[in-house]
Protein backbone atom coordinates (compact mmCIF):
# COMPACT_ATOMS: atom_id res chain seq x y z
CA MET A 1 -47.56 13.52 19.90
CA LEU A 2 -47.78 15.96 17.01
CA ILE A 3 -45.50 18.43 18.77
CA ALA A 4 -42.98 15.67 19.52
CA ALA A 5 -43.00 14.56 15.89
CA VAL A 6 -42.49 18.13 14.69
CA LEU A 7 -39.58 18.61 17.12
CA ILE A 8 -37.95 15.39 15.91
CA VAL A 9 -38.27 16.48 12.28
CA ILE A 10 -36.81 19.90 13.11
CA ALA A 11 -33.94 18.32 15.06
CA ILE A 12 -33.11 15.92 12.22
CA SER A 13 -33.27 18.75 9.69
CA LEU A 14 -30.97 20.94 11.78
CA ILE A 15 -28.47 18.11 12.26
CA TYR A 16 -28.50 17.43 8.52
CA ILE A 17 -27.99 21.12 7.67
CA ILE A 18 -25.15 21.48 10.19
CA LEU A 19 -23.37 18.32 9.01
CA LYS A 20 -23.93 19.19 5.35
CA TYR A 21 -22.54 22.68 5.82
CA ARG A 22 -19.68 21.60 8.11
CA TYR A 23 -18.45 18.50 6.28
CA TYR A 24 -19.97 18.34 2.80
CA THR A 25 -19.74 21.87 1.38
CA ASP A 26 -17.02 22.64 -1.14
CA PRO A 27 -15.15 25.83 -0.17
CA ASP A 28 -15.07 28.57 -2.77
CA ASP A 29 -11.40 28.19 -3.71
CA GLY A 30 -11.78 27.83 -7.46
CA ILE A 31 -10.78 24.15 -7.61
CA PRO A 32 -13.27 22.21 -9.80
CA GLY A 33 -14.90 18.91 -8.93
CA LEU A 34 -18.16 17.02 -8.52
CA PRO A 35 -20.51 18.22 -5.76
CA PRO A 36 -20.24 15.87 -2.75
CA GLU A 37 -23.14 13.74 -1.53
CA PHE A 38 -24.11 13.67 2.14
CA LEU A 39 -22.30 10.83 4.00
CA PHE A 40 -20.86 9.32 0.79
CA GLY A 41 -18.94 12.23 -0.71
CA HIS A 42 -17.98 10.92 -4.16
CA SER A 43 -17.84 7.24 -3.16
CA ARG A 44 -21.31 6.41 -4.46
CA SER A 45 -21.69 8.79 -7.41
CA THR A 46 -18.37 7.75 -9.01
CA GLY A 47 -18.94 4.02 -8.56
CA LEU A 48 -16.27 3.48 -5.90
CA LEU A 49 -18.68 1.65 -3.59
CA SER A 50 -19.88 -0.57 -6.43
CA GLY A 51 -16.37 -1.74 -7.32
CA THR A 52 -14.94 0.76 -9.81
CA SER A 53 -11.22 1.14 -9.12
CA VAL A 54 -9.78 4.35 -7.71
CA SER A 55 -7.41 4.60 -10.70
CA VAL A 56 -10.24 4.48 -13.23
CA ILE A 57 -12.33 7.01 -11.31
CA LEU A 58 -9.54 9.55 -10.90
CA SER A 59 -8.46 9.12 -14.52
CA ARG A 60 -11.98 9.99 -15.68
CA LEU A 61 -12.09 13.01 -13.39
CA GLN A 62 -8.74 14.24 -14.74
CA GLN A 63 -10.10 14.06 -18.28
CA ARG A 64 -13.15 16.04 -17.17
CA TYR A 65 -11.62 18.65 -14.86
CA GLY A 66 -7.93 18.83 -15.73
CA ASP A 67 -4.76 18.42 -13.65
CA VAL A 68 -6.18 19.81 -10.39
CA PHE A 69 -9.59 18.84 -9.02
CA THR A 70 -11.31 17.76 -5.81
CA PHE A 71 -12.35 14.30 -4.68
CA TRP A 72 -14.34 13.56 -1.53
CA TRP A 73 -13.50 10.36 0.37
CA GLY A 74 -16.70 10.28 2.39
CA HIS A 75 -16.73 13.53 4.36
CA LYS A 76 -13.04 14.20 3.68
CA ARG A 77 -12.26 16.58 0.85
CA SER A 78 -9.05 16.02 -1.09
CA ILE A 79 -7.22 18.08 -3.71
CA VAL A 80 -5.96 15.76 -6.45
CA LEU A 81 -2.70 16.70 -8.21
CA ASN A 82 -1.63 15.25 -11.57
CA ARG A 83 1.33 17.44 -12.60
CA ILE A 84 4.73 16.06 -11.62
CA GLU A 85 5.95 19.58 -10.78
CA HIS A 86 3.22 19.83 -8.14
CA VAL A 87 3.90 16.28 -6.98
CA GLN A 88 7.65 16.83 -6.62
CA TYR A 89 7.07 19.97 -4.56
CA VAL A 90 4.68 18.21 -2.18
CA LEU A 91 6.84 15.12 -1.70
CA SER A 92 9.98 17.22 -1.22
CA ASN A 93 8.53 19.34 1.59
CA ARG A 94 7.69 16.93 4.38
CA HIS A 95 7.71 19.77 6.91
CA ILE A 96 4.67 21.24 5.11
CA TYR A 97 3.01 18.06 3.83
CA ASP A 98 2.86 15.31 6.45
CA GLN A 99 1.43 11.81 6.23
CA GLY A 100 -2.12 12.07 4.90
CA SER A 101 -4.88 11.69 7.46
CA ILE A 102 -6.89 9.52 5.04
CA THR A 103 -4.02 7.04 4.77
CA ALA A 104 -3.28 7.20 8.49
CA ASP A 105 -6.93 6.77 9.46
CA GLY A 106 -7.32 3.76 7.19
CA PHE A 107 -4.34 1.87 8.58
CA SER A 108 -5.03 2.95 12.16
CA LEU A 109 -8.16 0.81 12.05
CA ILE A 110 -5.85 -2.20 11.98
CA ALA A 111 -2.61 -0.98 13.56
CA PRO A 112 -2.95 2.39 15.35
CA SER A 113 0.71 2.38 16.44
CA GLY A 114 2.12 1.33 13.06
CA LEU A 115 4.36 3.60 10.98
CA ILE A 116 1.83 4.33 8.21
CA SER A 117 -0.80 5.24 10.82
CA LEU A 118 1.36 7.89 12.48
CA GLN A 119 2.20 11.54 11.93
CA GLY A 120 4.61 14.15 13.29
CA LYS A 121 7.18 13.36 15.99
CA ILE A 122 5.80 9.89 16.72
CA TRP A 123 6.17 9.00 13.03
CA LYS A 124 9.78 10.18 13.08
CA ARG A 125 10.58 8.02 16.12
CA HIS A 126 9.13 4.90 14.49
CA ALA A 127 10.73 5.69 11.12
CA ARG A 128 14.15 6.01 12.74
CA ILE A 129 13.78 2.47 14.10
CA ILE A 130 11.80 0.66 11.42
CA LEU A 131 13.06 1.92 8.04
CA PRO A 132 16.74 0.92 8.51
CA ILE A 133 15.64 -2.65 9.28
CA LEU A 134 13.78 -2.84 5.95
CA LYS A 135 16.77 -1.86 3.80
CA ARG A 136 17.95 -4.37 1.21
CA ALA A 137 21.14 -5.26 3.05
CA LYS A 138 19.13 -6.16 6.15
CA ILE A 139 16.80 -8.60 4.39
CA ALA A 140 19.21 -10.11 1.84
CA HIS A 141 19.78 -13.14 4.07
CA LEU A 142 16.08 -14.03 3.73
CA ILE A 143 16.37 -14.84 0.00
CA ASP A 144 16.79 -18.58 0.62
CA LYS A 145 13.59 -18.77 2.67
CA ILE A 146 11.70 -16.76 0.05
CA THR A 147 12.98 -19.08 -2.70
CA GLU A 148 11.99 -22.18 -0.72
CA CYS A 149 8.44 -20.91 -0.24
CA THR A 150 8.16 -20.12 -3.96
CA ASP A 151 9.46 -23.58 -4.91
CA ASP A 152 6.88 -25.13 -2.61
CA LEU A 153 4.11 -23.32 -4.51
CA ILE A 154 5.51 -24.28 -7.93
CA HIS A 155 5.73 -27.97 -6.96
CA SER A 156 2.38 -28.02 -5.17
CA GLY A 157 0.50 -29.13 -8.29
CA GLN A 158 -1.65 -26.00 -8.39
CA PHE A 159 -0.25 -24.91 -11.77
CA ILE A 160 -1.39 -27.04 -14.71
CA ASP A 161 -0.04 -26.66 -18.25
CA ASN A 162 -2.52 -25.48 -20.90
CA HIS A 163 -5.06 -24.68 -18.22
CA VAL A 164 -6.40 -21.21 -17.44
CA ASN A 165 -5.61 -20.38 -13.83
CA THR A 166 -8.35 -18.25 -12.27
CA LYS A 167 -6.94 -18.37 -8.74
CA LEU A 168 -3.58 -16.65 -9.17
CA ALA A 169 -4.37 -13.84 -6.74
CA GLN A 170 -5.41 -16.26 -3.99
CA GLN A 171 -2.40 -18.51 -4.61
CA PHE A 172 0.05 -15.61 -4.48
CA ASN A 173 -1.67 -14.28 -1.36
CA GLN A 174 -1.09 -17.64 0.29
CA LEU A 175 2.51 -17.69 -0.97
CA PHE A 176 3.35 -14.38 0.66
CA THR A 177 1.45 -15.31 3.81
CA ASN A 178 3.76 -18.35 4.02
CA ILE A 179 6.81 -16.18 3.30
CA PHE A 180 5.78 -13.82 6.08
CA ALA A 181 5.20 -16.71 8.47
CA ARG A 182 8.63 -18.20 7.74
CA THR A 183 10.69 -14.99 7.66
CA ALA A 184 8.96 -13.01 10.40
CA LEU A 185 7.46 -15.60 12.73
CA ASN A 186 9.85 -18.57 12.37
CA TYR A 187 6.86 -20.71 11.40
CA ASP A 188 7.30 -23.22 8.56
CA PRO A 189 3.89 -24.31 7.19
CA ASN A 190 5.45 -27.45 5.67
CA THR A 191 7.18 -28.84 8.74
CA ASN A 192 4.27 -27.89 10.99
CA LYS A 193 1.35 -29.31 9.02
CA SER A 194 0.53 -31.81 11.74
CA SER A 195 0.48 -29.20 14.46
CA SER A 196 -2.99 -27.88 15.26
CA SER A 197 -1.57 -24.60 16.59
CA SER A 198 0.45 -24.06 13.40
CA SER A 199 -2.49 -24.71 11.08
CA GLU A 200 -4.51 -22.39 13.29
CA LEU A 201 -1.92 -19.65 12.77
CA SER A 202 -1.89 -20.18 9.00
CA LEU A 203 -5.67 -19.82 8.83
CA ALA A 204 -5.56 -16.80 11.15
CA LEU A 205 -3.05 -15.01 8.91
CA THR A 206 -5.25 -15.55 5.85
CA ASP A 207 -8.45 -14.50 7.65
CA PHE A 208 -6.82 -11.41 9.14
CA ILE A 209 -5.59 -10.17 5.75
CA GLU A 210 -8.97 -10.73 4.07
CA GLN A 211 -11.05 -9.03 6.77
CA SER A 212 -8.60 -6.13 7.18
CA ALA A 213 -8.68 -5.48 3.43
CA ARG A 214 -12.50 -5.40 3.46
CA ALA A 215 -12.53 -2.78 6.21
CA MET A 216 -9.89 -0.58 4.59
CA LEU A 217 -11.58 -0.67 1.18
CA ALA A 218 -14.55 1.11 2.81
CA ALA A 219 -12.45 4.26 3.26
CA GLY A 220 -15.29 6.48 2.07
CA LEU A 221 -17.71 5.36 4.76
CA PRO A 222 -18.02 7.02 8.18
CA ARG A 223 -15.24 5.83 10.47
CA ILE A 224 -17.65 4.57 13.13
CA LEU A 225 -19.06 2.05 10.62
CA GLN A 226 -15.58 0.74 9.87
CA HIS A 227 -14.88 0.31 13.58
CA LEU A 228 -18.21 -1.46 14.10
CA PHE A 229 -17.47 -3.83 11.22
CA LEU A 230 -14.18 -4.93 12.77
CA ARG A 231 -15.47 -4.97 16.35
CA MET A 232 -18.42 -7.20 15.42
CA ASN A 233 -16.45 -9.34 12.97
CA GLN A 234 -15.76 -12.56 14.89
CA THR A 235 -13.47 -13.93 12.17
CA TYR A 236 -11.28 -10.83 12.37
CA GLN A 237 -11.22 -10.72 16.18
CA ARG A 238 -10.34 -14.40 16.48
CA ALA A 239 -7.58 -14.14 13.86
CA ARG A 240 -6.11 -11.05 15.50
CA GLN A 241 -6.02 -12.73 18.92
CA ILE A 242 -4.25 -15.82 17.55
CA ILE A 243 -1.63 -13.73 15.72
CA HIS A 244 -1.18 -11.44 18.73
CA SER A 245 -0.51 -14.38 21.06
CA HIS A 246 1.94 -15.97 18.63
CA ILE A 247 3.89 -12.77 18.01
CA LEU A 248 4.14 -11.92 21.71
CA ALA A 249 5.41 -15.44 22.44
CA ILE A 250 8.15 -14.99 19.84
CA ILE A 251 9.02 -11.54 21.19
CA HIS A 252 9.48 -12.90 24.70
CA HIS A 253 11.48 -15.87 23.41
CA GLU A 254 13.75 -13.63 21.33
CA LEU A 255 14.24 -11.20 24.21
CA SER A 256 15.52 -13.98 26.44
CA ARG A 257 17.61 -15.51 23.65
CA VAL A 258 19.45 -12.35 22.56
CA LYS A 259 20.47 -11.73 26.15
CA GLN A 260 22.23 -15.10 26.21
CA VAL A 261 23.49 -15.57 22.64
CA ASN A 262 25.22 -13.01 20.45
CA GLU A 263 24.19 -14.00 16.90
CA LYS A 264 22.58 -12.55 13.80
CA PRO A 265 18.78 -12.23 13.83
CA SER A 266 17.01 -15.30 12.44
CA ASN A 267 13.79 -13.48 11.49
CA LEU A 268 12.30 -10.00 11.20
CA ILE A 269 11.03 -9.97 14.75
CA SER A 270 14.56 -10.75 15.93
CA SER A 271 15.71 -7.66 14.05
CA PHE A 272 13.10 -5.54 15.78
CA ILE A 273 14.12 -6.78 19.22
CA ASN A 274 17.09 -4.41 19.25
CA SER A 275 14.62 -1.53 19.37
CA PHE A 276 13.60 -2.53 22.87
CA ASP A 277 15.49 0.15 24.74
CA HIS A 278 14.55 3.38 26.50
CA ASP A 279 13.91 5.10 23.16
CA GLY A 280 12.58 2.07 21.26
CA LEU A 281 9.23 0.38 20.68
CA ASN A 282 7.07 -1.24 23.30
CA GLU A 283 5.26 -4.55 22.71
CA ASP A 284 2.04 -2.99 21.40
CA GLU A 285 3.94 -0.77 18.96
CA LEU A 286 6.05 -3.68 17.75
CA PHE A 287 2.93 -5.81 17.23
CA ASP A 288 1.35 -3.08 15.10
CA GLU A 289 4.51 -2.74 12.98
CA ILE A 290 4.53 -6.48 12.35
CA ILE A 291 0.83 -6.38 11.44
CA LEU A 292 1.49 -3.60 8.91
CA LEU A 293 4.28 -5.66 7.36
CA LEU A 294 1.87 -8.57 7.07
CA ILE A 295 -0.87 -6.56 5.37
CA GLY A 296 1.37 -4.33 3.26
CA GLY A 297 3.83 -7.00 2.23
CA THR A 298 1.28 -9.66 1.37
CA GLU A 299 -1.36 -7.59 -0.43
CA THR A 300 1.01 -5.38 -2.43
CA THR A 301 3.52 -8.06 -3.42
CA SER A 302 0.92 -10.66 -4.39
CA SER A 303 -0.86 -8.02 -6.47
CA ALA A 304 2.38 -7.09 -8.26
CA LEU A 305 3.23 -10.73 -8.99
CA SER A 306 -0.28 -11.42 -10.29
CA TRP A 307 -0.02 -8.49 -12.70
CA PHE A 308 3.47 -9.64 -13.71
CA VAL A 309 2.11 -13.03 -14.74
CA TYR A 310 -0.83 -11.38 -16.52
CA TYR A 311 1.22 -8.98 -18.64
CA VAL A 312 4.12 -11.33 -19.41
CA SER A 313 1.87 -14.29 -20.26
CA LYS A 314 0.35 -12.26 -23.10
CA ARG A 315 3.73 -11.31 -24.59
CA PRO A 316 5.85 -14.23 -25.90
CA SER A 317 8.61 -11.84 -27.01
CA VAL A 318 9.04 -10.60 -23.44
CA GLN A 319 9.16 -14.19 -22.20
CA GLU A 320 11.90 -15.00 -24.71
CA GLN A 321 13.96 -12.01 -23.64
CA ILE A 322 13.66 -13.05 -19.98
CA LYS A 323 14.74 -16.61 -20.79
CA LYS A 324 17.65 -15.28 -22.84
CA GLU A 325 18.88 -13.13 -19.97
CA LEU A 326 18.56 -16.00 -17.48
CA LYS A 327 20.60 -18.22 -19.81
CA GLN A 328 23.26 -15.53 -20.28
CA ASN A 329 23.71 -15.42 -16.50
CA ASN A 330 23.73 -19.24 -16.18
CA ILE A 331 20.61 -19.22 -14.01
CA THR A 332 18.78 -22.56 -13.88
CA VAL A 333 16.25 -24.13 -11.51
CA ASP A 334 19.18 -25.31 -9.39
CA THR A 335 20.92 -21.93 -9.12
CA GLN A 336 21.12 -20.43 -5.65
CA LEU A 337 19.94 -16.85 -5.98
CA THR A 338 21.84 -13.97 -4.43
CA VAL A 339 21.36 -10.21 -4.42
CA GLU A 340 24.46 -9.83 -6.60
CA LEU A 341 23.09 -12.27 -9.17
CA LEU A 342 19.71 -10.55 -9.25
CA ASP A 343 21.45 -7.25 -9.94
CA HIS A 344 22.66 -8.68 -13.27
CA LEU A 345 19.09 -9.22 -14.50
CA VAL A 346 18.71 -5.84 -16.16
CA TYR A 347 15.90 -6.80 -18.53
CA VAL A 348 13.92 -8.57 -15.81
CA ASP A 349 14.22 -5.41 -13.74
CA ALA A 350 12.85 -3.39 -16.67
CA VAL A 351 9.90 -5.78 -17.01
CA VAL A 352 9.09 -5.45 -13.32
CA LYS A 353 9.22 -1.67 -13.60
CA GLU A 354 6.91 -1.70 -16.62
CA VAL A 355 4.44 -3.94 -14.79
CA LEU A 356 4.43 -1.56 -11.82
CA ARG A 357 4.03 1.41 -14.15
CA HIS A 358 0.86 -0.11 -15.59
CA ALA A 359 -0.37 -1.60 -12.32
CA PRO A 360 1.04 0.29 -9.31
CA VAL A 361 0.40 -1.58 -6.08
CA VAL A 362 -0.92 1.61 -4.47
CA SER A 363 -3.50 3.66 -6.38
CA ALA A 364 -2.80 6.95 -4.63
CA ILE A 365 -0.95 8.52 -1.72
CA THR A 366 -2.15 11.36 0.45
CA ARG A 367 -0.54 14.21 2.35
CA CYS A 368 -1.96 16.52 5.01
CA THR A 369 -1.14 20.24 4.66
CA LEU A 370 0.32 21.66 7.88
CA GLN A 371 0.24 25.33 6.87
CA ASN A 372 -1.16 27.61 4.18
CA ASP A 373 0.86 27.28 0.99
CA GLU A 374 0.94 27.95 -2.76
CA ILE A 375 1.93 24.91 -4.80
CA GLY A 376 3.54 25.83 -8.13
CA LYS A 377 4.05 29.49 -7.28
CA GLU A 378 7.71 29.41 -8.30
CA LEU A 379 6.94 27.78 -11.68
CA LYS A 380 4.41 30.24 -13.10
CA SER A 381 6.67 30.98 -16.05
CA ASP A 382 6.18 27.38 -17.23
CA GLY A 383 2.42 27.85 -17.47
CA LEU A 384 1.87 25.78 -14.35
CA PRO A 385 -1.21 26.77 -12.33
CA THR A 386 -0.71 27.80 -8.72
CA VAL A 387 -2.73 25.72 -6.26
CA HIS A 388 -3.67 27.58 -3.09
CA VAL A 389 -3.99 25.22 -0.13
CA ARG A 390 -4.86 25.82 3.50
CA ALA A 391 -3.70 24.15 6.69
CA GLY A 392 -5.67 20.94 7.10
CA ASP A 393 -6.25 20.35 3.38
CA THR A 394 -5.61 16.82 2.10
CA ILE A 395 -3.52 16.33 -1.05
CA THR A 396 -3.94 13.21 -3.19
CA ILE A 397 -1.36 12.05 -5.75
CA VAL A 398 -2.56 9.53 -8.35
CA MET A 399 0.10 7.13 -9.60
CA ASN A 400 -1.80 5.75 -12.58
CA ASN A 401 -2.55 9.17 -14.09
CA ILE A 402 1.10 10.21 -13.93
CA HIS A 403 2.38 6.83 -15.15
CA HIS A 404 0.28 7.14 -18.32
CA ASP A 405 0.70 10.85 -19.03
CA PRO A 406 2.34 11.35 -22.47
CA ARG A 407 3.83 14.64 -21.26
CA TYR A 408 6.32 12.70 -19.14
CA TRP A 409 7.19 9.74 -21.39
CA LYS A 410 8.96 9.71 -24.76
CA LEU A 411 7.52 6.34 -25.79
CA ASP A 412 3.75 5.77 -25.85
CA PRO A 413 2.84 5.33 -22.15
CA GLN A 414 -0.25 3.26 -23.03
CA VAL A 415 1.91 0.50 -24.53
CA PHE A 416 3.54 -2.24 -22.43
CA LEU A 417 7.19 -1.79 -23.38
CA PRO A 418 9.90 -2.82 -20.86
CA GLU A 419 12.61 -1.49 -23.17
CA ARG A 420 11.56 2.06 -22.35
CA PHE A 421 13.50 1.78 -19.08
CA LEU A 422 16.62 0.73 -20.98
CA ASP A 423 16.47 3.30 -23.79
CA GLU A 424 14.43 6.47 -24.43
CA ASP A 425 12.70 6.69 -21.05
CA ARG A 426 15.64 5.54 -18.98
CA ASP A 427 16.20 9.05 -17.58
CA HIS A 428 12.56 9.85 -16.89
CA HIS A 429 11.56 12.46 -14.31
CA PRO A 430 11.86 10.88 -10.83
CA CYS A 431 8.22 11.72 -10.03
CA ALA A 432 6.92 10.30 -13.32
CA PHE A 433 7.33 6.78 -11.91
CA LEU A 434 6.15 6.06 -8.36
CA PRO A 435 5.87 2.25 -8.39
CA VAL A 436 5.69 0.99 -4.82
CA SER A 437 5.53 4.42 -3.21
CA ILE A 438 8.12 4.62 -0.49
CA HIS A 439 6.48 8.03 -0.09
CA LEU A 440 3.75 6.22 1.84
CA PHE A 441 6.21 6.40 4.71
């Protein structure tokens, strides 16, 4: 028994040493950073697991270590860049810096065949099909449905004058779940309230978003634990099955319809149907793309709208300017909105930009280095440090740090000031403002 116990202790020690050396040892490349913890990396020591936001953590580390430092997402080491010159170089060289494995791994838990989960040639094939469908001209005809869903929320009685609303995030989540259901799935939650299958779908959409978000927030934990959480999560599995069945039914219906009738697509899935050719998407790939739209569209947009209400509600002068611009363009509660009319709302656009500058919907984006490289080598004369990276290294770009860096803004970046986008900071560096991050794709 004693020998067996000794052997077990030795085996455990060897496994620990091997894993520690292989996955949790910082290479001697001169890039500063906290020492990583076994299994957790920096997730526990920085407070990420206890709820501290990524933006706050990486801002503190920048103050401590400077513009280039390391951060460990679990066992995955990342080089964090905070200079826009470095950022521009990385984002401009897709052939060297592909979709980050951390980002891809996180989304692949939910949708392994979705665009954000892919890299290389497969990513290019999906991007060629998906991105054109998401352009403004392709979704402009959905404005009426979006407006109807928003009116339904406003008139639902959930907003009470002179009453502090503590459920904005949940209400906006439900709003964009309804918008997704109506624009992508041809499901109207108002006209289908009596249908048990429709209410089941509405609940499934909400449950799926909540459980998916919980799994993806645990990005620093070992991947096997994330998989186990979703596999054993009955709420998630049930919601996914309901959504899967509903989407496949619509796909089959649309496939048969488009063969008989030549008309414009009535929803997003209809738009995707045209990709069903020899070089297009199969059913599983299409399902994953729809799932990514559900998660990405709902979580990011509801977050942005919640922050919009938060910032604007505290600034009466901004509210007055918005009302003034609406009046100048003869926009009332009865006005039918169009893309052309929205383009005239210059100040509103500036407010939205300022909200997204202070509260970007994505904290950071990552890139995977495909070959050895030297970032900033050509800009040494400007006093910019050269960052030596190796094939396989992960690069992290932090939106919040750049958005609040006084080196890149003429007006105080800590102050909420929409006018900056109309005056002094109108011609800011393109990489100084990464609001929604199309670079995720």
